[in-house]
């Protein structure tokens, strides 16, 4: 969250003034990063399956560090596109971050939802910290020094922790998923653990479930692109001060973290598709509150409800693939499907900018969000867990 993801909207107005860049340009910058992440996702997914995140994340952290330092010295708009493209190729800042979620899916089966909740909550906590901090730095230092400070924050957190602690999967260090002992004298959970069929990419892509989920995440990615970069400048143009908006967005992140915890526990017990539908409903009403935008109540209510919906959506994105298709090839499958979400977001970001420039208003964009969330909720309602060929042979 320090790398210009959730907090990128705070840079749009000051960087736009300095560089002479339009809103659609910043949408294209986001698109370049997302497309680059989609290009590298298949390769990164396979590396996560074969080698794990221990060296991938430190390498990505170094590349991002120098790219963010470069952002402090850009003088032309196209410099931003190049550096964002490099950051995107690392895969570390992509939505539904595979480097953070795939290893968790490999380490847990029974408690996968709760484990993902703890790990994914870091994104919400990061937003709570770095959104107000980013605006504070911009107000007092300017946007260029802010990129430098954020670069050092990012590498100081991600590099040592991942290098020291992360491993590919529990079997690599003589353990079992969920921390279950293999000794029959210490635990009976290993034998009672539910069977999890392992799907290869080839098997997965021949199921209706796979394509229903890809369509759903494409739609939610499109909605994210339409809104993510543009919500901050929208609120500022409604007359709210930048620091007030940063606090509202921090509340967004705080409630996202809360929703992550809650939905993580719920996903271990209830249907993931129903929880996915609830996120669409939350986004729908958050957009409605945003369109009213009458006073601070609507600002904080909209961002708060939006945060709850984001938290639920993030958990579903991280959980549902391993839940339906197993953990052995989780990285490879996620690497194939992640581009759908990124392409949607990549289309949405500049499209929202063009619509704003044509209409001199974000209202048509928000009406488009209404339609997307309705269609997405309808689409995911048809999702069913796939039946593995081995299960068919075993029982019929």
Protein backbone atom coordinates (compact mmCIF):
# COMPACT_ATOMS: atom_id res chain seq x y z
CA UNK A 1 0.00 0.00 0.00
CA UNK A 2 3.03 2.31 0.02
CA UNK A 3 3.72 1.79 -3.68
CA UNK A 4 1.18 4.12 -5.30
CA UNK A 5 -1.68 1.62 -5.42
CA UNK A 6 -4.56 2.67 -3.19
CA UNK A 7 -2.86 6.01 -2.49
CA UNK A 8 -2.21 6.81 -6.17
CA UNK A 9 -5.38 8.89 -6.36
CA UNK A 10 -3.79 11.40 -3.97
CA UNK A 11 -1.10 12.10 -6.59
CA UNK A 12 -3.48 12.70 -9.50
CA UNK A 13 -4.17 16.41 -8.97
CA UNK A 14 -0.67 17.61 -7.89
CA UNK A 15 1.16 15.51 -10.49
CA UNK A 16 -1.36 16.51 -13.15
CA UNK A 17 -0.71 20.18 -12.48
CA UNK A 18 3.09 19.78 -12.62
CA UNK A 19 3.23 17.46 -15.63
CA UNK A 20 0.27 18.92 -17.51
CA UNK A 21 -1.37 15.49 -17.61
CA UNK A 22 -5.10 14.81 -18.00
CA UNK A 23 -7.29 12.48 -15.93
CA UNK A 24 -7.39 9.98 -18.78
CA UNK A 25 -3.59 9.96 -18.81
CA UNK A 26 -3.48 8.84 -15.18
CA UNK A 27 -6.00 6.18 -16.12
CA UNK A 28 -3.60 5.00 -18.82
CA UNK A 29 -0.76 4.97 -16.29
CA UNK A 30 -2.82 2.61 -14.15
CA UNK A 31 -3.64 0.55 -17.25
CA UNK A 32 0.04 0.18 -18.16
CA UNK A 33 0.80 -1.13 -14.68
CA UNK A 34 -2.12 -3.56 -14.78
CA UNK A 35 -1.37 -4.81 -18.30
CA UNK A 36 2.26 -5.36 -17.34
CA UNK A 37 1.09 -7.32 -14.31
CA UNK A 38 -1.13 -9.43 -16.54
CA UNK A 39 1.74 -10.14 -18.93
CA UNK A 40 4.00 -11.40 -16.16
CA UNK A 41 1.32 -13.18 -14.09
CA UNK A 42 1.54 -16.55 -15.87
CA UNK A 43 5.31 -16.66 -15.41
CA UNK A 44 5.09 -15.52 -11.79
CA UNK A 45 2.35 -18.04 -11.01
CA UNK A 46 4.52 -20.90 -12.25
CA UNK A 47 7.49 -19.62 -10.23
CA UNK A 48 5.35 -19.51 -7.10
CA UNK A 49 4.35 -23.14 -7.63
CA UNK A 50 7.92 -24.29 -8.23
CA UNK A 51 10.04 -21.99 -6.03
CA UNK A 52 7.73 -20.01 -3.74
CA UNK A 53 7.88 -16.30 -2.83
CA UNK A 54 11.09 -16.22 -0.76
CA UNK A 55 13.26 -14.71 -3.50
CA UNK A 56 10.52 -13.42 -5.80
CA UNK A 57 9.27 -10.78 -3.36
CA UNK A 58 12.73 -9.36 -2.44
CA UNK A 59 13.61 -9.14 -6.14
CA UNK A 60 10.34 -7.36 -6.89
CA UNK A 61 10.88 -5.06 -3.90
CA UNK A 62 14.26 -3.93 -5.25
CA UNK A 63 12.84 -3.21 -8.71
CA UNK A 64 9.92 -1.27 -7.24
CA UNK A 65 12.25 0.68 -4.93
CA UNK A 66 14.35 2.06 -7.79
CA UNK A 67 11.27 2.67 -9.94
CA UNK A 68 9.65 4.73 -7.17
CA UNK A 69 12.86 6.72 -6.74
CA UNK A 70 12.65 7.40 -10.47
CA UNK A 71 9.11 8.73 -10.06
CA UNK A 72 10.51 11.55 -7.93
CA UNK A 73 12.61 12.79 -10.85
CA UNK A 74 10.26 12.51 -13.82
CA UNK A 75 9.77 15.58 -15.98
CA UNK A 76 7.59 14.19 -18.79
CA UNK A 77 4.27 12.37 -18.52
CA UNK A 78 5.55 9.36 -20.48
CA UNK A 79 8.18 8.75 -17.79
CA UNK A 80 5.33 7.78 -15.46
CA UNK A 81 4.06 5.24 -17.98
CA UNK A 82 7.47 3.57 -18.29
CA UNK A 83 8.07 3.35 -14.55
CA UNK A 84 4.56 2.14 -13.80
CA UNK A 85 5.03 -0.53 -16.47
CA UNK A 86 8.20 -1.74 -14.74
CA UNK A 87 6.44 -1.79 -11.37
CA UNK A 88 3.57 -3.74 -12.90
CA UNK A 89 5.87 -6.42 -14.33
CA UNK A 90 7.02 -7.35 -10.82
CA UNK A 91 3.50 -8.58 -10.01
CA UNK A 92 3.80 -7.37 -6.44
CA UNK A 93 1.31 -4.52 -6.71
CA UNK A 94 -1.39 -6.28 -8.77
CA UNK A 95 -4.92 -6.58 -7.38
CA UNK A 96 -5.47 -9.94 -5.69
CA UNK A 97 -1.71 -10.15 -5.24
CA UNK A 98 -0.64 -13.71 -6.04
CA UNK A 99 2.65 -13.42 -4.16
CA UNK A 100 0.78 -12.84 -0.92
CA UNK A 101 -2.21 -15.14 -1.36
CA UNK A 102 -0.91 -18.20 -3.24
CA UNK A 103 1.59 -19.22 -0.51
CA UNK A 104 -1.13 -18.88 2.14
CA UNK A 105 -3.41 -21.11 0.09
CA UNK A 106 -0.64 -23.71 -0.04
CA UNK A 107 -0.01 -23.63 3.72
CA UNK A 108 -3.68 -23.98 4.77
CA UNK A 109 -6.74 -26.05 3.83
CA UNK A 110 -9.05 -26.28 6.85
CA UNK A 111 -8.20 -22.77 8.08
CA UNK A 112 -7.53 -21.23 4.67
CA UNK A 113 -10.13 -18.49 5.05
CA UNK A 114 -8.89 -17.39 8.48
CA UNK A 115 -5.25 -17.51 7.36
CA UNK A 116 -5.99 -15.43 4.27
CA UNK A 117 -7.90 -13.01 6.48
CA UNK A 118 -4.84 -12.40 8.64
CA UNK A 119 -2.49 -11.98 5.69
CA UNK A 120 -4.82 -9.92 3.49
CA UNK A 121 -5.67 -7.59 6.40
CA UNK A 122 -2.18 -6.19 5.92
CA UNK A 123 -3.48 -4.40 2.83
CA UNK A 124 -6.19 -2.67 4.85
CA UNK A 125 -3.77 -1.77 7.63
CA UNK A 126 -1.35 -0.46 5.02
CA UNK A 127 -4.09 1.78 3.65
CA UNK A 128 -4.87 3.11 7.13
CA UNK A 129 -1.22 4.08 7.58
CA UNK A 130 -0.15 5.21 4.14
CA UNK A 131 -3.18 7.16 2.91
CA UNK A 132 -3.03 9.92 5.57
CA UNK A 133 0.77 9.72 5.58
CA UNK A 134 0.93 10.18 1.81
CA UNK A 135 -1.31 13.27 1.89
CA UNK A 136 0.62 14.68 4.85
CA UNK A 137 3.89 14.26 2.96
CA UNK A 138 2.46 15.78 -0.23
CA UNK A 139 1.16 18.80 1.71
CA UNK A 140 4.47 19.41 3.50
CA UNK A 141 7.15 18.13 1.10
CA UNK A 142 5.51 17.98 -2.32
CA UNK A 143 4.72 14.95 -4.44
CA UNK A 144 8.29 14.26 -5.59
CA UNK A 145 9.89 13.81 -2.13
CA UNK A 146 6.81 11.80 -1.15
CA UNK A 147 7.68 9.14 -3.72
CA UNK A 148 11.18 8.88 -2.20
CA UNK A 149 9.87 8.43 1.34
CA UNK A 150 7.36 5.81 0.19
CA UNK A 151 10.07 3.96 -1.74
CA UNK A 152 12.17 3.51 1.41
CA UNK A 153 9.09 2.52 3.45
CA UNK A 154 8.18 -0.13 0.88
CA UNK A 155 11.55 -1.85 0.66
CA UNK A 156 12.19 -1.64 4.40
CA UNK A 157 9.02 -3.63 5.06
CA UNK A 158 8.84 -6.12 2.20
CA UNK A 159 12.48 -7.08 1.59
CA UNK A 160 13.69 -8.47 4.96
CA UNK A 161 10.41 -10.07 6.06
CA UNK A 162 9.97 -12.08 2.90
CA UNK A 163 13.62 -13.13 2.62
CA UNK A 164 13.83 -14.33 6.21
CA UNK A 165 10.46 -15.96 6.82
CA UNK A 166 8.70 -17.09 3.63
CA UNK A 167 8.79 -20.63 2.21
CA UNK A 168 6.95 -22.27 -0.68
CA UNK A 169 4.76 -24.80 1.15
CA UNK A 170 4.78 -26.70 4.48
CA UNK A 171 5.99 -29.96 2.94
CA UNK A 172 9.28 -28.24 2.02
CA UNK A 173 10.17 -27.97 5.70
CA UNK A 174 8.69 -31.26 6.87
CA UNK A 175 5.27 -29.95 7.92
CA UNK A 176 1.64 -30.44 6.91
CA UNK A 177 -1.02 -27.86 5.94
CA UNK A 178 -2.76 -26.11 8.85
CA UNK A 179 0.11 -27.00 11.20
CA UNK A 180 -1.33 -30.48 11.68
CA UNK A 181 1.12 -33.02 13.10
CA UNK A 182 1.68 -36.19 11.08
CA UNK A 183 2.08 -38.17 14.30
CA UNK A 184 -1.04 -40.24 15.15
CA UNK A 185 -0.19 -39.81 18.83
CA UNK A 186 -0.35 -36.02 18.60
CA UNK A 187 -3.23 -35.35 16.26
CA UNK A 188 -6.11 -37.05 14.52
CA UNK A 189 -6.86 -34.01 12.34
CA UNK A 190 -4.60 -35.12 9.50
CA UNK A 191 -6.74 -38.17 8.77
CA UNK A 192 -10.01 -36.25 9.13
CA UNK A 193 -8.94 -33.34 6.95
CA UNK A 194 -11.33 -32.98 3.98
CA UNK A 195 -10.03 -34.35 0.70
CA UNK A 196 -8.96 -31.62 -1.70
CA UNK A 197 -8.75 -32.64 -5.33
CA UNK A 198 -5.89 -31.05 -7.24
CA UNK A 199 -6.74 -29.49 -10.58
CA UNK A 200 -4.21 -28.88 -13.32
CA UNK A 201 -4.62 -25.79 -15.49
CA UNK A 202 -5.75 -28.02 -18.36
CA UNK A 203 -8.49 -29.64 -16.26
CA UNK A 204 -9.62 -26.35 -14.74
CA UNK A 205 -10.12 -24.48 -18.02
CA UNK A 206 -12.54 -27.17 -19.24
CA UNK A 207 -15.05 -26.38 -16.48
CA UNK A 208 -17.94 -23.89 -16.58
CA UNK A 209 -16.94 -22.76 -13.11
CA UNK A 210 -13.60 -21.51 -14.40
CA UNK A 211 -15.19 -19.30 -17.08
CA UNK A 212 -17.99 -18.03 -14.84
CA UNK A 213 -15.39 -16.88 -12.32
CA UNK A 214 -13.21 -15.27 -14.98
CA UNK A 215 -16.21 -13.29 -16.24
CA UNK A 216 -17.13 -12.22 -12.72
CA UNK A 217 -13.63 -11.02 -11.88
CA UNK A 218 -13.35 -9.24 -15.23
CA UNK A 219 -16.50 -7.26 -14.40
CA UNK A 220 -15.27 -6.42 -10.91
CA UNK A 221 -11.89 -5.46 -12.37
CA UNK A 222 -13.64 -3.15 -14.85
CA UNK A 223 -15.56 -1.54 -12.00
CA UNK A 224 -12.36 -1.15 -9.99
CA UNK A 225 -10.67 0.57 -12.92
CA UNK A 226 -13.57 2.95 -13.38
CA UNK A 227 -13.44 4.00 -9.72
CA UNK A 228 -10.05 3.40 -8.09
CA UNK A 229 -8.00 6.28 -9.50
CA UNK A 230 -10.96 8.64 -9.81
CA UNK A 231 -12.75 8.52 -6.47
CA UNK A 232 -10.22 10.79 -4.71
CA UNK A 233 -10.30 13.62 -7.29
CA UNK A 234 -14.09 13.28 -7.44
CA UNK A 235 -14.47 13.89 -3.70
CA UNK A 236 -12.01 16.79 -3.80
CA UNK A 237 -13.97 18.39 -6.63
CA UNK A 238 -17.11 18.05 -4.51
CA UNK A 239 -15.52 20.56 -2.11
CA UNK A 240 -13.86 18.30 0.47
CA UNK A 241 -10.28 19.11 1.52
CA UNK A 242 -7.55 16.68 0.38
CA UNK A 243 -6.60 15.78 3.96
CA UNK A 244 -10.26 15.09 4.83
CA UNK A 245 -10.54 12.86 1.79
CA UNK A 246 -7.36 11.02 2.81
CA UNK A 247 -8.91 10.33 6.24
CA UNK A 248 -12.08 9.07 4.56
CA UNK A 249 -10.02 6.79 2.34
CA UNK A 250 -8.14 5.60 5.42
CA UNK A 251 -11.52 4.72 6.93
CA UNK A 252 -12.17 2.84 3.69
CA UNK A 253 -8.98 0.84 4.30
CA UNK A 254 -9.80 0.27 7.99
CA UNK A 255 -13.20 -1.18 7.19
CA UNK A 256 -11.66 -3.22 4.39
CA UNK A 257 -9.37 -4.79 6.98
CA UNK A 258 -12.39 -5.44 9.22
CA UNK A 259 -14.31 -7.02 6.34
CA UNK A 260 -11.29 -9.15 5.46
CA UNK A 261 -11.25 -10.63 8.96
CA UNK A 262 -15.00 -11.22 9.01
CA UNK A 263 -15.27 -12.71 5.53
CA UNK A 264 -12.18 -14.84 6.10
CA UNK A 265 -13.93 -16.65 8.94
CA UNK A 266 -17.19 -16.83 6.99
CA UNK A 267 -15.51 -18.35 3.93
CA UNK A 268 -14.45 -21.35 6.00
CA UNK A 269 -18.13 -21.99 6.75
CA UNK A 270 -20.38 -20.64 3.99
CA UNK A 271 -20.63 -20.55 0.20
CA UNK A 272 -18.02 -18.25 -1.33
CA UNK A 273 -20.35 -17.25 -4.17
CA UNK A 274 -22.93 -15.87 -1.72
CA UNK A 275 -20.23 -13.85 -0.01
CA UNK A 276 -19.15 -12.59 -3.45
CA UNK A 277 -22.72 -11.44 -4.14
CA UNK A 278 -22.75 -9.51 -0.87
CA UNK A 279 -19.70 -7.54 -2.03
CA UNK A 280 -21.53 -6.48 -5.21
CA UNK A 281 -24.48 -5.30 -3.13
CA UNK A 282 -22.16 -3.26 -0.92
CA UNK A 283 -20.47 -1.63 -3.92
CA UNK A 284 -23.90 -0.77 -5.36
CA UNK A 285 -25.02 1.15 -2.29
CA UNK A 286 -21.60 2.76 -1.75
CA UNK A 287 -21.80 4.16 -5.28
CA UNK A 288 -25.29 5.51 -4.56
CA UNK A 289 -23.99 7.35 -1.47
CA UNK A 290 -21.09 8.71 -3.52
CA UNK A 291 -23.45 10.18 -6.10
CA UNK A 292 -25.35 12.07 -3.39
CA UNK A 293 -22.11 13.51 -1.94
CA UNK A 294 -23.97 16.10 0.13
CA UNK A 295 -21.74 16.35 3.20
CA UNK A 296 -19.14 14.53 5.27
CA UNK A 297 -21.69 11.92 6.33
CA UNK A 298 -22.04 10.74 2.74
CA UNK A 299 -18.27 10.92 2.19
CA UNK A 300 -17.44 8.67 5.14
CA UNK A 301 -20.49 6.44 4.70
CA UNK A 302 -19.65 5.81 1.05
CA UNK A 303 -15.96 5.17 1.61
CA UNK A 304 -16.71 3.00 4.65
CA UNK A 305 -19.19 0.81 2.81
CA UNK A 306 -16.86 0.72 -0.17
CA UNK A 307 -14.06 -0.50 2.10
CA UNK A 308 -16.24 -3.28 3.51
CA UNK A 309 -17.07 -4.39 -0.02
CA UNK A 310 -13.44 -4.24 -1.15
CA UNK A 311 -12.37 -6.37 1.81
CA UNK A 312 -14.95 -9.02 1.00
CA UNK A 313 -14.03 -9.00 -2.69
CA UNK A 314 -10.31 -9.32 -1.95
CA UNK A 315 -10.94 -12.34 0.25
CA UNK A 316 -13.16 -14.02 -2.34
CA UNK A 317 -10.54 -13.45 -5.06
CA UNK A 318 -7.80 -14.97 -2.91
CA UNK A 319 -9.90 -17.84 -1.55
CA UNK A 320 -12.19 -19.15 -4.24
CA UNK A 321 -9.63 -20.45 -6.75
CA UNK A 322 -7.83 -22.70 -4.26
CA UNK A 323 -11.17 -23.65 -2.72
CA UNK A 324 -12.52 -24.89 -6.06
CA UNK A 325 -9.32 -26.05 -7.78
CA UNK A 326 -6.94 -27.06 -4.97
CA UNK A 327 -3.54 -25.77 -3.87
CA UNK A 328 -0.96 -27.73 -5.88
CA UNK A 329 -1.31 -25.63 -9.02
CA UNK A 330 -2.86 -22.57 -7.35
CA UNK A 331 -0.14 -20.25 -8.65
CA UNK A 332 -0.38 -21.46 -12.23
CA UNK A 333 -4.19 -21.20 -12.26
CA UNK A 334 -4.14 -17.75 -10.68
CA UNK A 335 -1.49 -16.71 -13.19
CA UNK A 336 -3.83 -17.66 -16.02
CA UNK A 337 -6.95 -15.98 -14.61
CA UNK A 338 -5.48 -12.81 -13.07
CA UNK A 339 -5.13 -11.05 -16.46
CA UNK A 340 -8.93 -11.06 -16.79
CA UNK A 341 -9.28 -8.87 -13.72
CA UNK A 342 -6.31 -6.72 -14.73
CA UNK A 343 -7.59 -6.24 -18.28
CA UNK A 344 -10.94 -5.11 -16.89
CA UNK A 345 -9.25 -2.63 -14.57
CA UNK A 346 -6.94 -1.52 -17.38
CA UNK A 347 -9.90 -0.72 -19.62
CA UNK A 348 -11.80 1.04 -16.85
CA UNK A 349 -9.14 3.50 -15.68
CA UNK A 350 -8.65 5.51 -18.90
CA UNK A 351 -12.29 5.02 -19.92
CA UNK A 352 -13.41 6.83 -16.78
CA UNK A 353 -11.00 9.65 -17.61
CA UNK A 354 -12.36 10.01 -21.14
CA UNK A 355 -15.95 9.97 -19.90
CA UNK A 356 -15.10 12.65 -17.34
CA UNK A 357 -13.45 14.83 -19.97
CA UNK A 358 -16.40 14.45 -22.36
CA UNK A 359 -19.14 15.03 -19.78
CA UNK A 360 -17.14 17.25 -17.39
CA UNK A 361 -18.59 15.03 -14.69
CA UNK A 362 -18.06 11.62 -13.11
CA UNK A 363 -21.79 10.94 -12.88
CA UNK A 364 -21.99 8.84 -16.09
CA UNK A 365 -19.13 6.73 -14.71
CA UNK A 366 -20.98 6.07 -11.48
CA UNK A 367 -24.14 5.09 -13.39
CA UNK A 368 -22.03 2.60 -15.30
CA UNK A 369 -20.89 1.11 -11.99
CA UNK A 370 -24.52 0.45 -11.06
CA UNK A 371 -25.00 -1.69 -14.16
CA UNK A 372 -21.73 -3.57 -13.72
CA UNK A 373 -22.42 -4.58 -10.13
CA UNK A 374 -25.90 -5.84 -11.01
CA UNK A 375 -24.58 -7.94 -13.89
CA UNK A 376 -21.65 -9.24 -11.81
CA UNK A 377 -23.95 -10.34 -8.96
CA UNK A 378 -26.21 -12.10 -11.46
CA UNK A 379 -23.21 -13.82 -13.11
CA UNK A 380 -21.64 -15.17 -9.91
CA UNK A 381 -25.00 -16.52 -8.73
CA UNK A 382 -24.64 -19.27 -11.36
CA UNK A 383 -21.24 -20.47 -10.11
CA UNK A 384 -21.12 -24.06 -8.88
CA UNK A 385 -18.14 -25.99 -7.44
CA UNK A 386 -16.57 -28.06 -10.24
CA UNK A 387 -16.61 -31.86 -10.11
CA UNK A 388 -13.13 -33.34 -10.50
CA UNK A 389 -12.79 -36.31 -12.90
CA UNK A 390 -11.26 -38.39 -10.10
CA UNK A 391 -14.31 -37.77 -7.93
CA UNK A 392 -16.58 -38.93 -10.77
CA UNK A 393 -14.56 -42.10 -11.20
CA UNK A 394 -14.48 -42.72 -7.47
CA UNK A 395 -18.21 -42.38 -6.86
CA UNK A 396 -19.78 -43.30 -10.15
